[in-house]
């Protein structure tokens, strides 16, 4: 297969197609990241706390029991440090 690529054969064309697909997806990923950045800027402009919203987004990615366990550990540690 390496020989086909070096000779500019079918494998080279297939490789080029893969690379171009990845490049397009990377462009789309950057555009989406920029859109998300804009939404956070709008959120901040409307007076919301961006850090709190990021925390909420992280919590929403967890399942309920995982989140409860994390919150319980956090509360336990805060109590141990006299922060409650």
PDB file of N, CA and C in Angstrom:
ATOM      1  N   UNK A   1       0.833  -1.197   0.000  1.00  0.00           N
ATOM      2  CA  UNK A   1       0.000   0.000   0.000  1.00  0.00           C
ATOM      3  C   UNK A   1       0.872   1.253   0.000  1.00  0.00           C
ATOM      4  N   UNK A   2       1.961   1.238   0.732  1.00  0.00           N
ATOM      5  CA  UNK A   2       2.858   2.385   0.745  1.00  0.00           C
ATOM      6  C   UNK A   2       3.354   2.689  -0.664  1.00  0.00           C
ATOM      7  N   UNK A   3       3.592   1.647  -1.430  1.00  0.00           N
ATOM      8  CA  UNK A   3       4.070   1.834  -2.804  1.00  0.00           C
ATOM      9  C   UNK A   3       3.014   2.554  -3.644  1.00  0.00           C
ATOM     10  N   UNK A   4       1.731   2.182  -3.449  1.00  0.00           N
ATOM     11  CA  UNK A   4       0.652   2.846  -4.187  1.00  0.00           C
ATOM     12  C   UNK A   4       0.612   4.332  -3.880  1.00  0.00           C
ATOM     13  N   UNK A   5       0.820   4.668  -2.624  1.00  0.00           N
ATOM     14  CA  UNK A   5       0.801   6.073  -2.235  1.00  0.00           C
ATOM     15  C   UNK A   5       1.973   6.803  -2.879  1.00  0.00           C
ATOM     16  N   UNK A   6       3.145   6.200  -2.817  1.00  0.00           N
ATOM     17  CA  UNK A   6       4.333   6.833  -3.394  1.00  0.00           C
ATOM     18  C   UNK A   6       4.196   6.994  -4.902  1.00  0.00           C
ATOM     19  N   UNK A   7       3.514   6.061  -5.539  1.00  0.00           N
ATOM     20  CA  UNK A   7       3.353   6.128  -6.988  1.00  0.00           C
ATOM     21  C   UNK A   7       2.166   7.000  -7.408  1.00  0.00           C
ATOM     22  N   UNK A   8       1.420   7.506  -6.443  1.00  0.00           N
ATOM     23  CA  UNK A   8       0.266   8.338  -6.774  1.00  0.00           C
ATOM     24  C   UNK A   8      -0.917   7.514  -7.227  1.00  0.00           C
ATOM     25  N   UNK A   9      -1.007   6.265  -6.786  1.00  0.00           N
ATOM     26  CA  UNK A   9      -2.087   5.368  -7.199  1.00  0.00           C
ATOM     27  C   UNK A   9      -3.377   5.629  -6.461  1.00  0.00           C
ATOM     28  N   UNK A  10      -4.225   4.597  -6.466  1.00  0.00           N
ATOM     29  CA  UNK A  10      -5.556   4.676  -5.856  1.00  0.00           C
ATOM     30  C   UNK A  10      -5.455   5.006  -4.368  1.00  0.00           C
ATOM     31  N   UNK A  11      -4.504   4.419  -3.671  1.00  0.00           N
ATOM     32  CA  UNK A  11      -4.372   4.667  -2.237  1.00  0.00           C
ATOM     33  C   UNK A  11      -4.069   6.137  -1.962  1.00  0.00           C
ATOM     34  N   UNK A  12      -3.305   6.768  -2.832  1.00  0.00           N
ATOM     35  CA  UNK A  12      -2.988   8.180  -2.651  1.00  0.00           C
ATOM     36  C   UNK A  12      -4.251   9.030  -2.758  1.00  0.00           C
ATOM     37  N   UNK A  13      -5.116   8.689  -3.684  1.00  0.00           N
ATOM     38  CA  UNK A  13      -6.370   9.430  -3.845  1.00  0.00           C
ATOM     39  C   UNK A  13      -7.261   9.227  -2.622  1.00  0.00           C
ATOM     40  N   UNK A  14      -7.306   7.997  -2.128  1.00  0.00           N
ATOM     41  CA  UNK A  14      -8.110   7.710  -0.941  1.00  0.00           C
ATOM     42  C   UNK A  14      -7.566   8.473   0.266  1.00  0.00           C
ATOM     43  N   UNK A  15      -6.253   8.500   0.408  1.00  0.00           N
ATOM     44  CA  UNK A  15      -5.626   9.244   1.496  1.00  0.00           C
ATOM     45  C   UNK A  15      -5.966  10.718   1.399  1.00  0.00           C
ATOM     46  N   UNK A  16      -5.905  11.266   0.192  1.00  0.00           N
ATOM     47  CA  UNK A  16      -6.236  12.674  -0.022  1.00  0.00           C
ATOM     48  C   UNK A  16      -7.677  12.956   0.398  1.00  0.00           C
ATOM     49  N   UNK A  17      -8.596  12.051   0.080  1.00  0.00           N
ATOM     50  CA  UNK A  17      -9.995  12.231   0.455  1.00  0.00           C
ATOM     51  C   UNK A  17     -10.168  12.232   1.974  1.00  0.00           C
ATOM     52  N   UNK A  18      -9.456  11.328   2.649  1.00  0.00           N
ATOM     53  CA  UNK A  18      -9.520  11.307   4.113  1.00  0.00           C
ATOM     54  C   UNK A  18      -9.003  12.614   4.700  1.00  0.00           C
ATOM     55  N   UNK A  19      -7.869  13.072   4.200  1.00  0.00           N
ATOM     56  CA  UNK A  19      -7.274  14.313   4.705  1.00  0.00           C
ATOM     57  C   UNK A  19      -8.217  15.480   4.477  1.00  0.00           C
ATOM     58  N   UNK A  20      -8.834  15.563   3.318  1.00  0.00           N
ATOM     59  CA  UNK A  20      -9.752  16.660   3.017  1.00  0.00           C
ATOM     60  C   UNK A  20     -10.988  16.603   3.901  1.00  0.00           C
ATOM     61  N   UNK A  21     -11.488  15.387   4.174  1.00  0.00           N
ATOM     62  CA  UNK A  21     -12.633  15.251   5.083  1.00  0.00           C
ATOM     63  C   UNK A  21     -12.277  15.754   6.470  1.00  0.00           C
ATOM     64  N   UNK A  22     -11.101  15.363   6.947  1.00  0.00           N
ATOM     65  CA  UNK A  22     -10.665  15.808   8.271  1.00  0.00           C
ATOM     66  C   UNK A  22     -10.530  17.321   8.304  1.00  0.00           C
ATOM     67  N   UNK A  23      -9.973  17.895   7.248  1.00  0.00           N
ATOM     68  CA  UNK A  23      -9.830  19.356   7.194  1.00  0.00           C
ATOM     69  C   UNK A  23     -11.184  20.049   7.249  1.00  0.00           C
ATOM     70  N   UNK A  24     -12.172  19.524   6.520  1.00  0.00           N
ATOM     71  CA  UNK A  24     -13.519  20.111   6.557  1.00  0.00           C
ATOM     72  C   UNK A  24     -14.131  20.003   7.951  1.00  0.00           C
ATOM     73  N   UNK A  25     -13.961  18.838   8.573  1.00  0.00           N
ATOM     74  CA  UNK A  25     -14.496  18.656   9.923  1.00  0.00           C
ATOM     75  C   UNK A  25     -13.817  19.579  10.928  1.00  0.00           C
ATOM     76  N   UNK A  26     -12.509  19.773  10.777  1.00  0.00           N
ATOM     77  CA  UNK A  26     -11.785  20.704  11.649  1.00  0.00           C
ATOM     78  C   UNK A  26     -12.321  22.123  11.482  1.00  0.00           C
ATOM     79  N   UNK A  27     -12.635  22.513  10.255  1.00  0.00           N
ATOM     80  CA  UNK A  27     -13.218  23.843  10.010  1.00  0.00           C
ATOM     81  C   UNK A  27     -14.581  23.963  10.683  1.00  0.00           C
ATOM     82  N   UNK A  28     -15.397  22.905  10.556  1.00  0.00           N
ATOM     83  CA  UNK A  28     -16.713  22.911  11.192  1.00  0.00           C
ATOM     84  C   UNK A  28     -16.575  22.973  12.712  1.00  0.00           C
ATOM     85  N   UNK A  29     -15.607  22.226  13.253  1.00  0.00           N
ATOM     86  CA  UNK A  29     -15.379  22.226  14.698  1.00  0.00           C
ATOM     87  C   UNK A  29     -14.997  23.616  15.179  1.00  0.00           C
ATOM     88  N   UNK A  30     -14.147  24.309  14.428  1.00  0.00           N
ATOM     89  CA  UNK A  30     -13.746  25.664  14.802  1.00  0.00           C
ATOM     90  C   UNK A  30     -14.937  26.609  14.745  1.00  0.00           C
ATOM     91  N   UNK A  31     -15.766  26.459  13.714  1.00  0.00           N
ATOM     92  CA  UNK A  31     -16.947  27.312  13.596  1.00  0.00           C
ATOM     93  C   UNK A  31     -17.895  27.087  14.773  1.00  0.00           C
ATOM     94  N   UNK A  32     -18.083  25.841  15.170  1.00  0.00           N
ATOM     95  CA  UNK A  32     -18.943  25.538  16.309  1.00  0.00           C
ATOM     96  C   UNK A  32     -18.351  26.101  17.595  1.00  0.00           C
ATOM     97  N   UNK A  33     -17.035  25.947  17.770  1.00  0.00           N
ATOM     98  CA  UNK A  33     -16.371  26.500  18.960  1.00  0.00           C
ATOM     99  C   UNK A  33     -16.545  28.013  19.011  1.00  0.00           C
ATOM    100  N   UNK A  34     -16.441  28.670  17.855  1.00  0.00           N
ATOM    101  CA  UNK A  34     -16.652  30.119  17.806  1.00  0.00           C
ATOM    102  C   UNK A  34     -18.085  30.481  18.167  1.00  0.00           C
ATOM    103  N   UNK A  35     -19.047  29.676  17.696  1.00  0.00           N
ATOM    104  CA  UNK A  35     -20.453  29.914  18.031  1.00  0.00           C
ATOM    105  C   UNK A  35     -20.684  29.779  19.541  1.00  0.00           C
ATOM    106  N   UNK A  36     -20.083  28.753  20.139  1.00  0.00           N
ATOM    107  CA  UNK A  36     -20.221  28.547  21.581  1.00  0.00           C
ATOM    108  C   UNK A  36     -19.613  29.724  22.335  1.00  0.00           C
ATOM    109  N   UNK A  37     -18.460  30.186  21.877  1.00  0.00           N
ATOM    110  CA  UNK A  37     -17.808  31.347  22.497  1.00  0.00           C
ATOM    111  C   UNK A  37     -18.731  32.567  22.432  1.00  0.00           C
ATOM    112  N   UNK A  38     -19.395  32.749  21.295  1.00  0.00           N
ATOM    113  CA  UNK A  38     -20.328  33.868  21.142  1.00  0.00           C
ATOM    114  C   UNK A  38     -21.511  33.748  22.103  1.00  0.00           C
ATOM    115  N   UNK A  39     -22.011  32.529  22.290  1.00  0.00           N
ATOM    116  CA  UNK A  39     -23.135  32.327  23.208  1.00  0.00           C
ATOM    117  C   UNK A  39     -22.709  32.656  24.636  1.00  0.00           C
ATOM    118  N   UNK A  40     -21.489  32.243  25.022  1.00  0.00           N
ATOM    119  CA  UNK A  40     -21.007  32.585  26.358  1.00  0.00           C
ATOM    120  C   UNK A  40     -20.841  34.090  26.518  1.00  0.00           C
ATOM    121  N   UNK A  41     -20.384  34.762  25.483  1.00  0.00           N
ATOM    122  CA  UNK A  41     -20.251  36.222  25.546  1.00  0.00           C
ATOM    123  C   UNK A  41     -21.628  36.869  25.699  1.00  0.00           C
ATOM    124  N   UNK A  42     -22.611  36.362  24.978  1.00  0.00           N
ATOM    125  CA  UNK A  42     -23.979  36.884  25.093  1.00  0.00           C
ATOM    126  C   UNK A  42     -24.529  36.620  26.490  1.00  0.00           C
ATOM    127  N   UNK A  43     -24.271  35.429  26.993  1.00  0.00           N
ATOM    128  CA  UNK A  43     -24.700  35.054  28.340  1.00  0.00           C
ATOM    129  C   UNK A  43     -24.123  36.016  29.370  1.00  0.00           C
ATOM    130  N   UNK A  44     -22.831  36.277  29.258  1.00  0.00           N
ATOM    131  CA  UNK A  44     -22.159  37.200  30.176  1.00  0.00           C
ATOM    132  C   UNK A  44     -22.724  38.612  30.032  1.00  0.00           C
ATOM    133  N   UNK A  45     -22.980  39.016  28.795  1.00  0.00           N
ATOM    134  CA  UNK A  45     -23.535  40.331  28.542  1.00  0.00           C
ATOM    135  C   UNK A  45     -24.922  40.527  29.132  1.00  0.00           C
ATOM    136  N   UNK A  46     -25.636  39.418  29.292  1.00  0.00           N
ATOM    137  CA  UNK A  46     -26.979  39.485  29.885  1.00  0.00           C
ATOM    138  C   UNK A  46     -26.931  39.364  31.399  1.00  0.00           C
ATOM    139  N   UNK A  47     -25.712  39.313  31.977  1.00  0.00           N
ATOM    140  CA  UNK A  47     -25.571  39.328  33.422  1.00  0.00           C
ATOM    141  C   UNK A  47     -25.468  37.968  34.089  1.00  0.00           C
ATOM    142  N   UNK A  48     -25.369  36.904  33.317  1.00  0.00           N
ATOM    143  CA  UNK A  48     -25.238  35.578  33.911  1.00  0.00           C
ATOM    144  C   UNK A  48     -23.779  35.290  34.227  1.00  0.00           C
ATOM    145  N   UNK A  49     -23.568  34.451  35.235  1.00  0.00           N
ATOM    146  CA  UNK A  49     -22.224  34.058  35.648  1.00  0.00           C
ATOM    147  C   UNK A  49     -21.772  32.892  34.765  1.00  0.00           C
ATOM    148  N   UNK A  50     -20.775  33.131  33.931  1.00  0.00           N
ATOM    149  CA  UNK A  50     -20.309  32.140  32.960  1.00  0.00           C
ATOM    150  C   UNK A  50     -19.729  30.917  33.672  1.00  0.00           C
ATOM    151  N   UNK A  51     -18.982  31.137  34.737  1.00  0.00           N
ATOM    152  CA  UNK A  51     -18.377  30.025  35.465  1.00  0.00           C
ATOM    153  C   UNK A  51     -19.462  29.095  36.015  1.00  0.00           C
ATOM    154  N   UNK A  52     -20.520  29.667  36.559  1.00  0.00           N
ATOM    155  CA  UNK A  52     -21.620  28.862  37.098  1.00  0.00           C
ATOM    156  C   UNK A  52     -22.298  28.065  35.979  1.00  0.00           C
ATOM    157  N   UNK A  53     -22.490  28.686  34.828  1.00  0.00           N
ATOM    158  CA  UNK A  53     -23.127  27.994  33.708  1.00  0.00           C
ATOM    159  C   UNK A  53     -22.237  26.856  33.212  1.00  0.00           C
ATOM    160  N   UNK A  54     -20.927  27.078  33.178  1.00  0.00           N
ATOM    161  CA  UNK A  54     -20.008  26.004  32.776  1.00  0.00           C
ATOM    162  C   UNK A  54     -20.091  24.824  33.751  1.00  0.00           C
ATOM    163  N   UNK A  55     -20.226  25.136  35.040  1.00  0.00           N
ATOM    164  CA  UNK A  55     -20.376  24.089  36.049  1.00  0.00           C
ATOM    165  C   UNK A  55     -21.666  23.317  35.831  1.00  0.00           C
ATOM    166  N   UNK A  56     -22.743  24.041  35.546  1.00  0.00           N
ATOM    167  CA  UNK A  56     -24.031  23.394  35.276  1.00  0.00           C
ATOM    168  C   UNK A  56     -23.913  22.486  34.054  1.00  0.00           C
ATOM    169  N   UNK A  57     -23.257  22.961  33.016  1.00  0.00           N
ATOM    170  CA  UNK A  57     -23.081  22.136  31.810  1.00  0.00           C
ATOM    171  C   UNK A  57     -22.312  20.857  32.135  1.00  0.00           C
ATOM    172  N   UNK A  58     -21.290  20.962  32.963  1.00  0.00           N
ATOM    173  CA  UNK A  58     -20.513  19.776  33.356  1.00  0.00           C
ATOM    174  C   UNK A  58     -21.391  18.813  34.150  1.00  0.00           C
ATOM    175  N   UNK A  59     -22.205  19.346  35.068  1.00  0.00           N
ATOM    176  CA  UNK A  59     -23.102  18.503  35.852  1.00  0.00           C
ATOM    177  C   UNK A  59     -24.115  17.794  34.950  1.00  0.00           C
ATOM    178  N   UNK A  60     -24.621  18.497  33.968  1.00  0.00           N
ATOM    179  CA  UNK A  60     -25.638  17.917  33.080  1.00  0.00           C
ATOM    180  C   UNK A  60     -25.085  16.776  32.234  1.00  0.00           C
ATOM    181  N   UNK A  61     -23.779  16.751  32.051  1.00  0.00           N
ATOM    182  CA  UNK A  61     -23.160  15.655  31.291  1.00  0.00           C
ATOM    183  C   UNK A  61     -23.063  14.379  32.125  1.00  0.00           C
ATOM    184  N   UNK A  62     -23.110  14.527  33.451  1.00  0.00           N
ATOM    185  CA  UNK A  62     -23.003  13.379  34.346  1.00  0.00           C
ATOM    186  C   UNK A  62     -24.373  12.749  34.549  1.00  0.00           C
ATOM    187  N   UNK A  63     -24.378  11.461  34.854  1.00  0.00           N
ATOM    188  CA  UNK A  63     -25.664  10.878  35.227  1.00  0.00           C
ATOM    189  C   UNK A  63     -25.972  11.267  36.673  1.00  0.00           C
ATOM    190  N   UNK A  64     -27.201  11.094  37.055  1.00  0.00           N
ATOM    191  CA  UNK A  64     -27.684  11.595  38.348  1.00  0.00           C
ATOM    192  C   UNK A  64     -26.880  11.030  39.519  1.00  0.00           C
ATOM    193  N   UNK A  65     -26.648   9.724  39.532  1.00  0.00           N
ATOM    194  CA  UNK A  65     -25.946   9.115  40.669  1.00  0.00           C
ATOM    195  C   UNK A  65     -24.494   9.576  40.741  1.00  0.00           C
ATOM    196  N   UNK A  66     -23.864   9.740  39.598  1.00  0.00           N
ATOM    197  CA  UNK A  66     -22.487  10.236  39.563  1.00  0.00           C
ATOM    198  C   UNK A  66     -22.411  11.655  40.127  1.00  0.00           C
ATOM    199  N   UNK A  67     -23.385  12.467  39.740  1.00  0.00           N
ATOM    200  CA  UNK A  67     -23.420  13.848  40.223  1.00  0.00           C
ATOM    201  C   UNK A  67     -23.673  13.888  41.727  1.00  0.00           C
ATOM    202  N   UNK A  68     -24.589  13.056  42.217  1.00  0.00           N
ATOM    203  CA  UNK A  68     -24.880  13.019  43.648  1.00  0.00           C
ATOM    204  C   UNK A  68     -23.645  12.602  44.441  1.00  0.00           C
ATOM    205  N   UNK A  69     -22.915  11.617  43.923  1.00  0.00           N
ATOM    206  CA  UNK A  69     -21.704  11.165  44.604  1.00  0.00           C
ATOM    207  C   UNK A  69     -20.668  12.288  44.666  1.00  0.00           C
ATOM    208  N   UNK A  70     -20.485  12.993  43.557  1.00  0.00           N
ATOM    209  CA  UNK A  70     -19.525  14.094  43.528  1.00  0.00           C
ATOM    210  C   UNK A  70     -19.927  15.200  44.498  1.00  0.00           C
ATOM    211  N   UNK A  71     -21.213  15.531  44.529  1.00  0.00           N
ATOM    212  CA  UNK A  71     -21.692  16.571  45.435  1.00  0.00           C
ATOM    213  C   UNK A  71     -21.510  16.145  46.895  1.00  0.00           C
ATOM    214  N   UNK A  72     -21.737  14.863  47.205  1.00  0.00           N
ATOM    215  CA  UNK A  72     -21.585  14.368  48.572  1.00  0.00           C
ATOM    216  C   UNK A  72     -20.123  14.446  49.004  1.00  0.00           C
ATOM    217  N   UNK A  73     -19.216  14.073  48.115  1.00  0.00           N
ATOM    218  CA  UNK A  73     -17.791  14.139  48.440  1.00  0.00           C
ATOM    219  C   UNK A  73     -17.366  15.589  48.639  1.00  0.00           C
ATOM    220  N   UNK A  74     -17.823  16.462  47.771  1.00  0.00           N
ATOM    221  CA  UNK A  74     -17.497  17.878  47.888  1.00  0.00           C
ATOM    222  C   UNK A  74     -17.997  18.429  49.224  1.00  0.00           C
ATOM    223  N   UNK A  75     -19.230  18.092  49.582  1.00  0.00           N
ATOM    224  CA  UNK A  75     -19.793  18.556  50.861  1.00  0.00           C
ATOM    225  C   UNK A  75     -18.993  18.004  52.037  1.00  0.00           C
ATOM    226  N   UNK A  76     -18.611  16.725  51.969  1.00  0.00           N
ATOM    227  CA  UNK A  76     -17.814  16.108  53.026  1.00  0.00           C
ATOM    228  C   UNK A  76     -16.484  16.841  53.187  1.00  0.00           C
ATOM    229  N   UNK A  77     -15.803  17.100  52.089  1.00  0.00           N
ATOM    230  CA  UNK A  77     -14.508  17.802  52.143  1.00  0.00           C
ATOM    231  C   UNK A  77     -14.660  19.221  52.666  1.00  0.00           C
ATOM    232  N   UNK A  78     -15.712  19.903  52.243  1.00  0.00           N
ATOM    233  CA  UNK A  78     -15.945  21.274  52.711  1.00  0.00           C
ATOM    234  C   UNK A  78     -16.224  21.281  54.210  1.00  0.00           C
ATOM    235  N   UNK A  79     -17.001  20.324  54.678  1.00  0.00           N
ATOM    236  CA  UNK A  79     -17.254  20.222  56.113  1.00  0.00           C
ATOM    237  C   UNK A  79     -15.957  19.955  56.882  1.00  0.00           C
ATOM    238  N   UNK A  80     -15.123  19.074  56.350  1.00  0.00           N
ATOM    239  CA  UNK A  80     -13.849  18.748  56.996  1.00  0.00           C
ATOM    240  C   UNK A  80     -12.943  19.968  57.100  1.00  0.00           C
ATOM    241  N   UNK A  81     -13.078  20.879  56.135  1.00  0.00           N
ATOM    242  CA  UNK A  81     -12.257  22.086  56.126  1.00  0.00           C
ATOM    243  C   UNK A  81     -12.934  23.270  56.807  1.00  0.00           C
ATOM    244  N   UNK A  82     -14.111  23.013  57.406  1.00  0.00           N
ATOM    245  CA  UNK A  82     -14.837  24.073  58.091  1.00  0.00           C
ATOM    246  C   UNK A  82     -15.415  25.111  57.154  1.00  0.00           C
ATOM    247  N   UNK A  83     -15.774  24.711  55.956  1.00  0.00           N
ATOM    248  CA  UNK A  83     -16.260  25.651  54.940  1.00  0.00           C
ATOM    249  C   UNK A  83     -17.767  25.625  54.768  1.00  0.00           C
ATOM    250  N   UNK A  84     -18.467  24.834  55.584  1.00  0.00           N
ATOM    251  CA  UNK A  84     -19.915  24.718  55.395  1.00  0.00           C
ATOM    252  C   UNK A  84     -20.692  25.786  56.110  1.00  0.00           C
TER     253      UNK A  84
END
